[in-house]
N, C-alpha and C. Protein backbone atom coordinates (compact mmCIF):
# COMPACT_ATOMS: atom_id res chain seq x y z
N UNK A 1 82.19 82.28 80.74
CA UNK A 1 82.62 84.20 80.88
C UNK A 1 81.60 84.54 80.30
N UNK A 2 81.00 85.70 81.68
CA UNK A 2 79.78 86.36 81.65
C UNK A 2 80.15 87.55 80.67
N UNK A 3 79.35 88.19 80.28
CA UNK A 3 79.38 89.61 79.28
C UNK A 3 80.16 90.64 80.29
N UNK A 4 79.60 91.14 81.26
CA UNK A 4 80.44 91.58 82.39
C UNK A 4 80.56 91.13 83.86
N UNK A 5 80.48 91.90 85.07
CA UNK A 5 80.31 91.01 86.09
C UNK A 5 78.85 91.98 87.11
N UNK A 6 78.63 93.27 86.51
CA UNK A 6 77.85 93.79 86.91
C UNK A 6 76.76 93.98 86.25
N UNK A 7 75.38 94.59 86.50
CA UNK A 7 74.22 95.10 85.73
C UNK A 7 74.11 96.36 86.11
N UNK A 8 73.98 97.27 84.73
CA UNK A 8 73.84 98.21 84.65
C UNK A 8 72.48 98.69 84.37
N UNK A 9 72.07 99.69 84.94
CA UNK A 9 70.37 100.30 84.64
C UNK A 9 70.10 100.78 82.95
N UNK A 10 69.28 100.09 82.38
CA UNK A 10 68.60 100.34 80.99
C UNK A 10 67.82 101.79 81.36
N UNK A 11 69.09 102.99 81.25
CA UNK A 11 68.06 103.60 81.02
C UNK A 11 69.04 105.14 79.73
N UNK A 12 68.52 106.16 79.45
CA UNK A 12 69.62 106.74 78.34
C UNK A 12 70.41 107.26 78.30
N UNK A 13 70.83 108.33 79.94
CA UNK A 13 71.80 108.62 80.15
C UNK A 13 73.50 107.90 80.36
N UNK A 14 73.20 105.86 81.38
CA UNK A 14 73.93 104.85 81.02
C UNK A 14 74.57 104.36 79.34
N UNK A 15 73.32 104.35 78.68
CA UNK A 15 73.51 104.03 77.89
C UNK A 15 74.43 104.61 76.87
N UNK A 16 73.71 106.12 76.48
CA UNK A 16 74.89 107.27 75.89
C UNK A 16 76.31 107.57 75.81
N UNK A 17 76.89 107.18 77.28
CA UNK A 17 78.04 106.59 77.96
C UNK A 17 78.65 105.86 77.19
N UNK A 18 78.33 104.67 75.96
CA UNK A 18 78.92 103.53 75.64
C UNK A 18 79.33 104.10 74.29
N UNK A 19 80.62 103.57 74.13
CA UNK A 19 81.38 104.19 72.97
C UNK A 19 80.99 103.30 71.76
N UNK A 20 80.90 103.20 71.02
CA UNK A 20 80.01 102.67 69.78
C UNK A 20 81.00 101.61 69.36
N UNK A 21 81.25 100.85 69.99
CA UNK A 21 83.06 99.54 69.24
C UNK A 21 81.62 98.75 69.51
N UNK A 22 81.69 97.96 68.87
CA UNK A 22 81.61 95.95 68.52
C UNK A 22 81.41 95.62 70.27
N UNK A 23 80.58 94.90 70.19
CA UNK A 23 80.43 94.30 71.90
C UNK A 23 79.25 93.20 71.68
N UNK A 24 79.06 92.72 72.57
CA UNK A 24 78.12 91.58 72.73
C UNK A 24 77.37 92.43 74.02
N UNK A 25 75.79 92.09 74.29
CA UNK A 25 75.40 92.67 75.37
C UNK A 25 74.45 91.85 75.47
N UNK A 26 73.71 91.98 76.80
CA UNK A 26 72.37 91.32 77.32
C UNK A 26 71.49 92.49 77.80
N UNK A 27 70.65 91.90 77.86
CA UNK A 27 69.20 92.95 78.22
C UNK A 27 68.83 91.65 79.53
N UNK A 28 68.40 92.00 80.51
CA UNK A 28 67.73 91.28 81.52
C UNK A 28 66.39 92.45 82.33
N UNK A 29 65.62 91.15 82.89
CA UNK A 29 64.40 92.07 83.57
C UNK A 29 64.46 92.19 84.49
N UNK A 30 63.49 92.74 85.36
CA UNK A 30 63.98 93.02 86.86
C UNK A 30 64.26 92.46 87.91
N UNK A 31 64.62 91.09 87.51
CA UNK A 31 65.05 89.82 88.84
C UNK A 31 66.53 89.68 87.75
N UNK A 32 66.91 90.56 86.91
CA UNK A 32 68.11 90.50 86.36
C UNK A 32 68.10 88.87 85.86
N UNK A 33 67.18 88.10 85.24
CA UNK A 33 67.12 87.19 84.13
C UNK A 33 67.42 87.51 82.58
N UNK A 34 68.56 87.24 82.27
CA UNK A 34 68.65 87.15 80.64
C UNK A 34 67.20 87.54 79.79
N UNK A 35 67.19 88.53 79.29
CA UNK A 35 65.89 87.97 78.38
C UNK A 35 66.11 87.94 76.55
N UNK A 36 67.33 89.03 76.34
CA UNK A 36 68.26 88.69 75.09
C UNK A 36 69.41 88.79 75.24
N UNK A 37 70.09 88.51 74.02
CA UNK A 37 71.26 88.22 73.57
C UNK A 37 71.77 88.63 72.43
N UNK A 38 72.54 90.21 72.83
CA UNK A 38 72.10 90.65 71.11
C UNK A 38 74.12 91.07 71.07
N UNK A 39 74.11 91.55 69.69
CA UNK A 39 75.79 91.79 69.60
C UNK A 39 75.67 93.11 68.56
N UNK A 40 76.75 93.99 68.23
CA UNK A 40 76.76 94.89 67.19
C UNK A 40 78.06 95.68 67.82
N UNK A 41 77.40 97.29 66.88
CA UNK A 41 78.13 98.46 67.47
C UNK A 41 77.15 98.42 69.46
N UNK A 42 77.96 98.28 70.49
CA UNK A 42 77.36 99.00 71.43
C UNK A 42 76.30 99.67 71.61
N UNK A 43 76.58 100.87 71.40
CA UNK A 43 75.93 101.82 71.91
C UNK A 43 74.33 101.88 70.81
N UNK A 44 74.66 102.10 69.60
CA UNK A 44 73.62 102.44 68.32
C UNK A 44 72.38 101.21 68.65
N UNK A 45 73.46 99.45 69.34
CA UNK A 45 72.04 98.59 68.78
C UNK A 45 71.50 99.06 69.79
N UNK A 46 71.94 99.01 71.37
CA UNK A 46 71.39 99.07 73.05
C UNK A 46 70.61 100.58 73.22
N UNK A 47 70.85 101.23 72.16
CA UNK A 47 69.55 102.78 71.91
C UNK A 47 68.91 102.48 71.31
N UNK A 48 69.37 102.01 69.96
CA UNK A 48 67.84 101.04 69.58
C UNK A 48 67.01 100.39 70.31
N UNK A 49 67.42 99.78 70.82
CA UNK A 49 66.48 98.74 71.91
C UNK A 49 66.38 99.34 72.72
N UNK A 50 66.73 100.47 73.25
CA UNK A 50 66.12 101.58 74.41
C UNK A 50 64.65 102.60 73.92
N UNK A 51 65.20 102.95 72.19
CA UNK A 51 63.69 103.24 72.32
C UNK A 51 62.90 102.88 71.02
N UNK A 52 63.03 101.42 71.05
CA UNK A 52 62.17 100.26 70.35
C UNK A 52 60.58 100.48 71.07
N UNK A 53 59.68 100.55 70.54
CA UNK A 53 58.46 100.35 71.44
C UNK A 53 57.86 98.79 71.22
N UNK A 54 58.47 98.51 72.04
CA UNK A 54 58.52 96.72 72.14
C UNK A 54 58.09 95.61 73.22
N UNK A 55 57.73 94.70 73.26
CA UNK A 55 57.91 93.93 75.04
C UNK A 55 58.99 94.17 75.23
N UNK A 56 60.23 93.91 73.96
CA UNK A 56 61.21 93.77 74.81
C UNK A 56 61.52 94.32 75.70
N UNK A 57 61.60 95.74 75.06
CA UNK A 57 61.88 97.14 75.61
C UNK A 57 61.43 97.27 77.34
N UNK A 58 60.31 97.09 77.17
CA UNK A 58 59.24 97.55 78.56
C UNK A 58 59.56 96.38 79.59
N UNK A 59 60.28 95.23 79.05
CA UNK A 59 60.48 94.28 80.11
C UNK A 59 62.17 94.79 80.34
N UNK A 60 62.56 95.26 79.82
CA UNK A 60 64.27 95.41 80.24
C UNK A 60 64.30 96.37 81.54
N UNK A 61 64.82 95.88 81.92
CA UNK A 61 65.23 97.07 83.13
C UNK A 61 66.99 97.09 83.77
N UNK A 62 67.74 96.25 83.37
CA UNK A 62 69.02 96.37 83.02
C UNK A 62 69.82 95.55 81.98
N UNK A 63 70.91 96.11 81.59
CA UNK A 63 72.02 95.74 80.80
C UNK A 63 73.48 95.39 81.11
N UNK A 64 74.73 94.98 80.46
CA UNK A 64 75.42 94.49 80.71
C UNK A 64 76.36 94.09 79.49
N UNK A 65 77.59 94.20 79.01
CA UNK A 65 78.10 93.98 78.18
C UNK A 65 79.57 93.91 78.18
N UNK A 66 80.41 93.76 76.95
CA UNK A 66 81.48 93.37 76.76
C UNK A 66 82.32 93.57 75.29
N UNK A 67 83.05 94.65 75.10
CA UNK A 67 83.34 95.38 74.51
C UNK A 67 84.15 93.87 73.57
N UNK A 68 84.38 93.90 71.99
CA UNK A 68 85.09 92.88 71.33
C UNK A 68 85.96 93.97 70.14
N UNK A 69 86.91 92.68 70.03
CA UNK A 69 87.88 93.59 68.05
C UNK A 69 86.56 93.95 66.84
N UNK A 70 85.76 93.28 66.60
CA UNK A 70 85.21 93.34 65.51
C UNK A 70 83.93 92.61 65.35
N UNK A 71 82.97 92.79 64.68
CA UNK A 71 81.84 92.30 64.19
C UNK A 71 81.66 90.93 64.34
N UNK A 72 82.55 90.15 63.56
CA UNK A 72 82.95 88.70 63.71
C UNK A 72 83.12 88.21 64.91
N UNK A 73 83.91 88.55 65.43
CA UNK A 73 84.50 88.13 67.24
C UNK A 73 83.14 88.56 67.92
N UNK A 74 81.84 89.20 67.80
CA UNK A 74 81.15 89.70 68.42
C UNK A 74 80.02 89.00 68.12
N UNK A 75 79.94 88.35 66.95
CA UNK A 75 79.03 87.76 66.60
C UNK A 75 79.04 86.17 67.09
N UNK A 76 80.51 85.95 67.26
CA UNK A 76 81.22 84.49 67.30
C UNK A 76 80.75 84.46 69.03
N UNK A 77 80.81 85.40 69.50
CA UNK A 77 80.67 85.11 71.64
C UNK A 77 79.13 85.69 71.67
N UNK A 78 77.89 86.05 70.58
CA UNK A 78 76.94 86.18 70.94
C UNK A 78 76.41 84.84 70.52
N UNK A 79 76.84 84.16 70.21
CA UNK A 79 76.13 82.81 69.33
C UNK A 79 77.17 81.77 70.91
N UNK A 80 77.91 81.68 71.46
CA UNK A 80 78.67 81.29 72.45
C UNK A 80 77.41 81.52 73.71
N UNK A 81 77.19 82.44 73.99
CA UNK A 81 76.16 82.59 74.89
C UNK A 81 75.14 82.18 74.78
N UNK A 82 74.61 82.33 73.49
CA UNK A 82 72.99 81.86 73.48
C UNK A 82 73.09 80.83 73.24
N UNK A 83 74.14 79.51 72.93
CA UNK A 83 74.67 78.12 72.95
C UNK A 83 74.30 77.91 74.60
N UNK A 84 75.34 78.41 75.70
CA UNK A 84 75.19 78.28 76.98
C UNK A 84 73.88 78.62 77.85
N UNK A 85 73.29 79.66 77.38
CA UNK A 85 72.35 80.09 77.84
C UNK A 85 71.24 78.83 77.40
N UNK A 86 71.14 78.61 76.12
CA UNK A 86 70.20 76.96 76.30
C UNK A 86 70.47 75.52 76.81
N UNK A 87 72.11 76.15 77.09
CA UNK A 87 72.35 74.48 77.57
C UNK A 87 71.95 74.39 78.98
N UNK A 88 71.60 75.50 79.81
CA UNK A 88 71.59 75.94 80.97
C UNK A 88 69.85 76.33 81.20
N UNK A 89 69.20 76.07 80.43
CA UNK A 89 67.87 76.25 80.54
C UNK A 89 66.79 75.70 79.78
N UNK A 90 67.53 75.10 78.26
CA UNK A 90 66.67 74.24 77.90
C UNK A 90 65.75 74.78 76.02
N UNK A 91 66.41 76.57 76.60
CA UNK A 91 65.62 77.17 75.58
C UNK A 91 66.02 78.92 75.29
N UNK A 92 66.62 79.60 74.00
CA UNK A 92 67.23 80.72 73.97
C UNK A 92 66.16 81.68 74.78
N UNK A 93 66.70 82.64 75.28
CA UNK A 93 66.54 83.92 75.84
C UNK A 93 64.71 84.48 74.82
N UNK A 94 63.83 85.01 76.30
CA UNK A 94 62.65 84.77 75.90
C UNK A 94 62.88 86.10 74.16
N UNK A 95 63.76 86.68 74.49
CA UNK A 95 63.27 87.72 72.96
C UNK A 95 64.94 87.81 72.00
N UNK A 96 65.35 86.48 71.76
CA UNK A 96 66.28 85.76 71.02
C UNK A 96 65.54 84.89 69.92
């Protein structure tokens, strides 16, 4: 099951609308190809990615997310998504 069905533009306005709840998220490039799968407090972590001067941030155009009940369930979901990605592509996302 995907994180969410639709991609959201990766910008400050959209990220600041997120609740700071635990969850799992994906970052994608301009082709909507997943380049990173993360977990934790959504607003905090995605904002950190937004303002981090890195190749990952420069490559990110979209994001999507799914809220979870706890850090533990977010970490478990992240591990599942990374495994599914590896099974499909033969390697983890570019920045994982």
